Amino acid sequence: MYQIRILREASRSLENLDKSVAHRIVRKINWLAENAEVVKPKGLRKNLSGLSKLREGDYRIFYRVIHEEKTVIIQFIGHRREVYKNK
């Protein structure tokens, strides 16, 4: 299992979400930590280059995996209609 590191921006986003949505996102992040070695994410482009994403309903979880350190870094979380226009 990989370690999870949640950056400040992602942490703030989680705190501001409805508790049920935040709970679903945390479950998805935990799933990623358990499956990071086998997940084959599609790379993102432009301003999101170097990141990968997970979907949880209408929300997106943007992250980076450092396999050498067995770490998943959660960069930011947001509603799909907001994250792409701000990044």
Protein backbone atom coordinates (compact mmCIF):
# COMPACT_ATOMS: atom_id res chain seq x y z
CA MET A 1 0.00 0.00 0.00
CA TYR A 2 1.26 3.46 -0.89
CA GLN A 3 1.41 6.39 1.52
CA ILE A 4 -1.02 9.25 0.90
CA ARG A 5 0.08 12.86 1.07
CA ILE A 6 -2.64 15.48 0.66
CA LEU A 7 -1.44 18.96 -0.23
CA ARG A 8 -2.95 22.02 1.43
CA GLU A 9 -5.14 23.01 -1.54
CA ALA A 10 -6.68 19.53 -1.71
CA SER A 11 -7.17 19.43 2.05
CA ARG A 12 -9.02 22.74 2.01
CA SER A 13 -11.24 21.53 -0.81
CA LEU A 14 -12.14 18.40 1.15
CA GLU A 15 -13.00 20.44 4.24
CA ASN A 16 -15.39 22.63 2.22
CA LEU A 17 -17.30 19.75 0.62
CA ASP A 18 -20.50 18.16 1.85
CA LYS A 19 -19.55 15.39 4.31
CA SER A 20 -21.03 12.60 2.18
CA VAL A 21 -19.13 13.77 -0.91
CA ALA A 22 -15.91 14.18 1.10
CA HIS A 23 -16.35 10.66 2.50
CA ARG A 24 -16.72 9.20 -1.02
CA ILE A 25 -13.59 11.06 -2.16
CA VAL A 26 -11.57 9.82 0.83
CA ARG A 27 -12.68 6.25 0.04
CA LYS A 28 -11.54 6.73 -3.56
CA ILE A 29 -8.16 8.08 -2.41
CA ASN A 30 -7.73 5.07 -0.11
CA TRP A 31 -8.59 2.78 -3.02
CA LEU A 32 -5.90 4.50 -5.08
CA ALA A 33 -3.33 4.01 -2.31
CA GLU A 34 -4.08 0.28 -2.31
CA ASN A 35 -4.01 -0.02 -6.11
CA ALA A 36 -1.41 2.56 -7.19
CA GLU A 37 0.94 -0.08 -8.57
CA VAL A 38 -1.64 -1.47 -10.99
CA VAL A 39 -3.58 1.66 -11.98
CA LYS A 40 -2.64 2.83 -15.48
CA PRO A 41 -3.71 6.48 -15.53
CA LYS A 42 -4.00 8.48 -18.70
CA GLY A 43 -1.63 11.44 -18.64
CA LEU A 44 -3.14 14.91 -18.67
CA ARG A 45 -2.02 17.73 -20.94
CA LYS A 46 -1.36 21.46 -20.94
CA ASN A 47 -1.45 23.01 -17.45
CA LEU A 48 -2.20 19.61 -15.89
CA SER A 49 0.78 17.87 -17.47
CA GLY A 50 2.45 15.43 -15.09
CA LEU A 51 -0.75 14.79 -13.15
CA SER A 52 -3.31 12.02 -13.30
CA LYS A 53 -6.96 12.13 -12.31
CA LEU A 54 -9.58 10.01 -10.63
CA ARG A 55 -13.31 10.51 -11.00
CA GLU A 56 -15.69 10.38 -8.10
CA GLY A 57 -19.09 11.42 -9.37
CA ASP A 58 -18.87 15.01 -10.58
CA TYR A 59 -15.60 15.57 -8.69
CA ARG A 60 -12.06 15.09 -9.89
CA ILE A 61 -9.06 14.13 -7.78
CA PHE A 62 -5.77 15.21 -9.35
CA TYR A 63 -2.70 13.38 -8.13
CA ARG A 64 0.86 12.33 -8.80
CA VAL A 65 2.38 8.94 -7.93
CA ILE A 66 6.02 8.59 -6.91
CA HIS A 67 6.61 4.86 -7.24
CA GLU A 68 10.17 4.99 -5.89
CA GLU A 69 8.84 6.40 -2.59
CA LYS A 70 5.54 4.47 -2.72
CA THR A 71 3.66 7.75 -2.29
CA VAL A 72 0.49 9.19 -3.80
CA ILE A 73 0.39 12.99 -3.66
CA ILE A 74 -3.09 14.48 -3.90
CA GLN A 75 -2.58 17.86 -5.60
CA PHE A 76 -6.11 19.25 -5.70
CA ILE A 77 -9.77 18.24 -5.72
CA GLY A 78 -12.71 19.99 -7.31
CA HIS A 79 -15.95 19.85 -9.22
CA ARG A 80 -15.36 18.96 -12.86
CA ARG A 81 -16.87 22.17 -14.22
CA GLU A 82 -14.49 24.26 -12.08
CA VAL A 83 -11.15 22.45 -12.12
CA TYR A 84 -10.51 22.53 -15.84
CA LYS A 85 -11.14 26.23 -16.27
CA ASN A 86 -8.99 27.21 -13.28
CA LYS A 87 -5.94 25.07 -14.04
